[in-house]
Each structure stands twice: as C-alpha cells, then as structure tokens.
Amino acid sequence: MERPDVTTAGMHECIAAETARQDKALNAIYKSLQQAISPARKPRLLDAQRAWLKFRDANCDFQADPDGGTLAGVNASACVMQMTAERAKELADLAAEAGAR
C-alpha cells in the first residue's frame, strides 16, 4: 500500500480529487431532482442552488484565514469538499422524496 502524501500540496491534490468527485455527484443529483419536480418548482430550485453556491463559496473563502499559514488553503478546500458532499446528500433526499409522490 502506498503511503499518503501528507504535504500541503499532497493534501490539496487529494481534496481536489474528492471535490471533483463530489461535484460530479452533486450535478447528477441536481439533474435528477429537476426531472422529479414540477415545472413550477424548477425556478425556485435554480434560485436555491445559486444561493447555496454563493453561500458555500463565501463561507469557505472566510475559512481561508490569511493568518492560518499554509493550512488555510487546505481548510478552505476541505470546506468546499465537505459542503458539496452535504449538499449532494440533501438534494438526493429531496429527489427521493419528490420521486415518492
């Protein structure tokens, strides 16, 4: 088994790969949810997703504390990864609920 790269660059690389995976999942789930809801709800979903993206980016940007040293960027990247995964789960739950109607 290969040892993980625990350098700051290695952590960024690992987080970036997982963020890409979570973002891909989020986009697929978002499309599924769009198909599961009524046409009247679609603009509200779009507004909600845009607001969430703005919040995620602002929240994670705040966590990139310039006084936090080299790990500040890692913390911000990890924030994006975690919030994206949580949003994907939230939308998946909504899609399952919408499909059950």
C-alpha atoms as a PDB file:
ATOM      1  CA  MET A   1       0.000   0.000   0.000  1.00  0.00           C
ATOM      2  CA  GLU A   2       1.318   3.402  -0.955  1.00  0.00           C
ATOM      3  CA  ARG A   3       1.754   5.920   1.828  1.00  0.00           C
ATOM      4  CA  PRO A   4      -0.379   9.048   1.539  1.00  0.00           C
ATOM      5  CA  ASP A   5       1.304  12.330   0.664  1.00  0.00           C
ATOM      6  CA  VAL A   6       0.871  14.395   3.824  1.00  0.00           C
ATOM      7  CA  THR A   7       2.487  17.530   2.445  1.00  0.00           C
ATOM      8  CA  THR A   8       0.317  20.587   1.920  1.00  0.00           C
ATOM      9  CA  ALA A   9       0.480  20.003  -1.833  1.00  0.00           C
ATOM     10  CA  GLY A  10      -0.483  16.369  -1.337  1.00  0.00           C
ATOM     11  CA  MET A  11      -3.458  17.332   0.803  1.00  0.00           C
ATOM     12  CA  HIS A  12      -4.595  19.843  -1.837  1.00  0.00           C
ATOM     13  CA  GLU A  13      -4.334  17.174  -4.518  1.00  0.00           C
ATOM     14  CA  CYS A  14      -6.342  14.664  -2.504  1.00  0.00           C
ATOM     15  CA  ILE A  15      -9.019  17.204  -1.585  1.00  0.00           C
ATOM     16  CA  ALA A  16      -9.249  18.437  -5.184  1.00  0.00           C
ATOM     17  CA  ALA A  17      -9.823  14.894  -6.451  1.00  0.00           C
ATOM     18  CA  GLU A  18     -12.553  14.232  -3.893  1.00  0.00           C
ATOM     19  CA  THR A  19     -14.148  17.634  -4.531  1.00  0.00           C
ATOM     20  CA  ALA A  20     -14.318  16.837  -8.251  1.00  0.00           C
ATOM     21  CA  ARG A  21     -15.994  13.520  -7.440  1.00  0.00           C
ATOM     22  CA  GLN A  22     -18.490  15.190  -5.099  1.00  0.00           C
ATOM     23  CA  ASP A  23     -19.203  17.973  -7.607  1.00  0.00           C
ATOM     24  CA  LYS A  24     -19.920  15.422 -10.327  1.00  0.00           C
ATOM     25  CA  ALA A  25     -22.305  13.609  -7.976  1.00  0.00           C
ATOM     26  CA  LEU A  26     -23.965  16.891  -7.000  1.00  0.00           C
ATOM     27  CA  ASN A  27     -24.572  17.818 -10.636  1.00  0.00           C
ATOM     28  CA  ALA A  28     -26.067  14.410 -11.432  1.00  0.00           C
ATOM     29  CA  ILE A  29     -28.343  14.542  -8.392  1.00  0.00           C
ATOM     30  CA  TYR A  30     -29.386  18.114  -9.221  1.00  0.00           C
ATOM     31  CA  LYS A  31     -30.439  16.972 -12.710  1.00  0.00           C
ATOM     32  CA  SER A  32     -32.390  14.065 -11.213  1.00  0.00           C
ATOM     33  CA  LEU A  33     -34.156  16.417  -8.833  1.00  0.00           C
ATOM     34  CA  GLN A  34     -35.003  18.796 -11.679  1.00  0.00           C
ATOM     35  CA  GLN A  35     -36.668  15.931 -13.524  1.00  0.00           C
ATOM     36  CA  ALA A  36     -38.580  14.816 -10.430  1.00  0.00           C
ATOM     37  CA  ILE A  37     -40.183  18.153  -9.537  1.00  0.00           C
ATOM     38  CA  SER A  38     -42.998  20.064 -11.175  1.00  0.00           C
ATOM     39  CA  PRO A  39     -42.198  22.766 -13.734  1.00  0.00           C
ATOM     40  CA  ALA A  40     -43.475  25.401 -11.301  1.00  0.00           C
ATOM     41  CA  ARG A  41     -40.802  24.448  -8.740  1.00  0.00           C
ATOM     42  CA  LYS A  42     -37.844  24.433 -11.151  1.00  0.00           C
ATOM     43  CA  PRO A  43     -37.111  28.189 -10.977  1.00  0.00           C
ATOM     44  CA  ARG A  44     -37.144  28.006  -7.170  1.00  0.00           C
ATOM     45  CA  LEU A  45     -34.700  25.096  -7.255  1.00  0.00           C
ATOM     46  CA  LEU A  46     -32.413  27.110  -9.531  1.00  0.00           C
ATOM     47  CA  ASP A  47     -32.630  30.134  -7.204  1.00  0.00           C
ATOM     48  CA  ALA A  48     -31.921  27.940  -4.180  1.00  0.00           C
ATOM     49  CA  GLN A  49     -28.936  26.288  -5.837  1.00  0.00           C
ATOM     50  CA  ARG A  50     -27.469  29.619  -6.906  1.00  0.00           C
ATOM     51  CA  ALA A  51     -27.904  30.990  -3.376  1.00  0.00           C
ATOM     52  CA  TRP A  52     -26.312  27.860  -1.909  1.00  0.00           C
ATOM     53  CA  LEU A  53     -23.307  28.137  -4.261  1.00  0.00           C
ATOM     54  CA  LYS A  54     -22.840  31.769  -3.271  1.00  0.00           C
ATOM     55  CA  PHE A  55     -23.076  30.859   0.428  1.00  0.00           C
ATOM     56  CA  ARG A  56     -20.689  27.901   0.074  1.00  0.00           C
ATOM     57  CA  ASP A  57     -18.094  29.986  -1.704  1.00  0.00           C
ATOM     58  CA  ALA A  58     -18.345  32.889   0.767  1.00  0.00           C
ATOM     59  CA  ASN A  59     -18.296  30.570   3.782  1.00  0.00           C
ATOM     60  CA  CYS A  60     -15.282  28.623   2.574  1.00  0.00           C
ATOM     61  CA  ASP A  61     -13.487  31.784   1.463  1.00  0.00           C
ATOM     62  CA  PHE A  62     -13.891  33.068   5.012  1.00  0.00           C
ATOM     63  CA  GLN A  63     -12.273  29.876   6.304  1.00  0.00           C
ATOM     64  CA  ALA A  64      -9.188  30.615   4.197  1.00  0.00           C
ATOM     65  CA  ASP A  65      -7.822  32.731   7.045  1.00  0.00           C
ATOM     66  CA  PRO A  66      -4.775  34.608   5.736  1.00  0.00           C
ATOM     67  CA  ASP A  67      -3.230  34.257   9.191  1.00  0.00           C
ATOM     68  CA  GLY A  68      -3.726  30.492   9.128  1.00  0.00           C
ATOM     69  CA  GLY A  69      -0.456  29.686   7.407  1.00  0.00           C
ATOM     70  CA  THR A  70      -0.144  27.043   4.728  1.00  0.00           C
ATOM     71  CA  LEU A  71      -3.130  25.098   6.025  1.00  0.00           C
ATOM     72  CA  ALA A  72      -5.527  27.991   5.427  1.00  0.00           C
ATOM     73  CA  GLY A  73      -5.926  26.987   1.799  1.00  0.00           C
ATOM     74  CA  VAL A  74      -6.304  23.340   2.758  1.00  0.00           C
ATOM     75  CA  ASN A  75      -9.052  24.281   5.214  1.00  0.00           C
ATOM     76  CA  ALA A  76     -10.885  26.297   2.569  1.00  0.00           C
ATOM     77  CA  SER A  77     -10.610  23.472   0.032  1.00  0.00           C
ATOM     78  CA  ALA A  78     -11.792  20.932   2.583  1.00  0.00           C
ATOM     79  CA  CYS A  79     -14.728  23.208   3.360  1.00  0.00           C
ATOM     80  CA  VAL A  80     -15.781  23.241  -0.310  1.00  0.00           C
ATOM     81  CA  MET A  81     -15.444  19.463  -0.461  1.00  0.00           C
ATOM     82  CA  GLN A  82     -17.480  18.877   2.695  1.00  0.00           C
ATOM     83  CA  MET A  83     -20.227  21.369   1.873  1.00  0.00           C
ATOM     84  CA  THR A  84     -20.543  19.963  -1.652  1.00  0.00           C
ATOM     85  CA  ALA A  85     -20.921  16.425  -0.301  1.00  0.00           C
ATOM     86  CA  GLU A  86     -23.524  17.595   2.218  1.00  0.00           C
ATOM     87  CA  ARG A  87     -25.492  19.435  -0.486  1.00  0.00           C
ATOM     88  CA  ALA A  88     -25.423  16.361  -2.722  1.00  0.00           C
ATOM     89  CA  LYS A  89     -26.918  14.323   0.138  1.00  0.00           C
ATOM     90  CA  GLU A  90     -29.539  16.987   0.782  1.00  0.00           C
ATOM     91  CA  LEU A  91     -30.575  17.093  -2.885  1.00  0.00           C
ATOM     92  CA  ALA A  92     -30.591  13.283  -3.075  1.00  0.00           C
ATOM     93  CA  ASP A  93     -33.006  13.200  -0.146  1.00  0.00           C
ATOM     94  CA  LEU A  94     -35.218  15.790  -1.868  1.00  0.00           C
ATOM     95  CA  ALA A  95     -35.120  13.828  -5.131  1.00  0.00           C
ATOM     96  CA  ALA A  96     -36.102  10.628  -3.326  1.00  0.00           C
ATOM     97  CA  GLU A  97     -38.960  12.448  -1.627  1.00  0.00           C
ATOM     98  CA  ALA A  98     -40.128  14.011  -4.905  1.00  0.00           C
ATOM     99  CA  GLY A  99     -39.978  10.633  -6.625  1.00  0.00           C
ATOM    100  CA  ALA A 100     -42.109   9.081  -3.905  1.00  0.00           C
ATOM    101  CA  ARG A 101     -45.008  11.442  -4.598  1.00  0.00           C
END
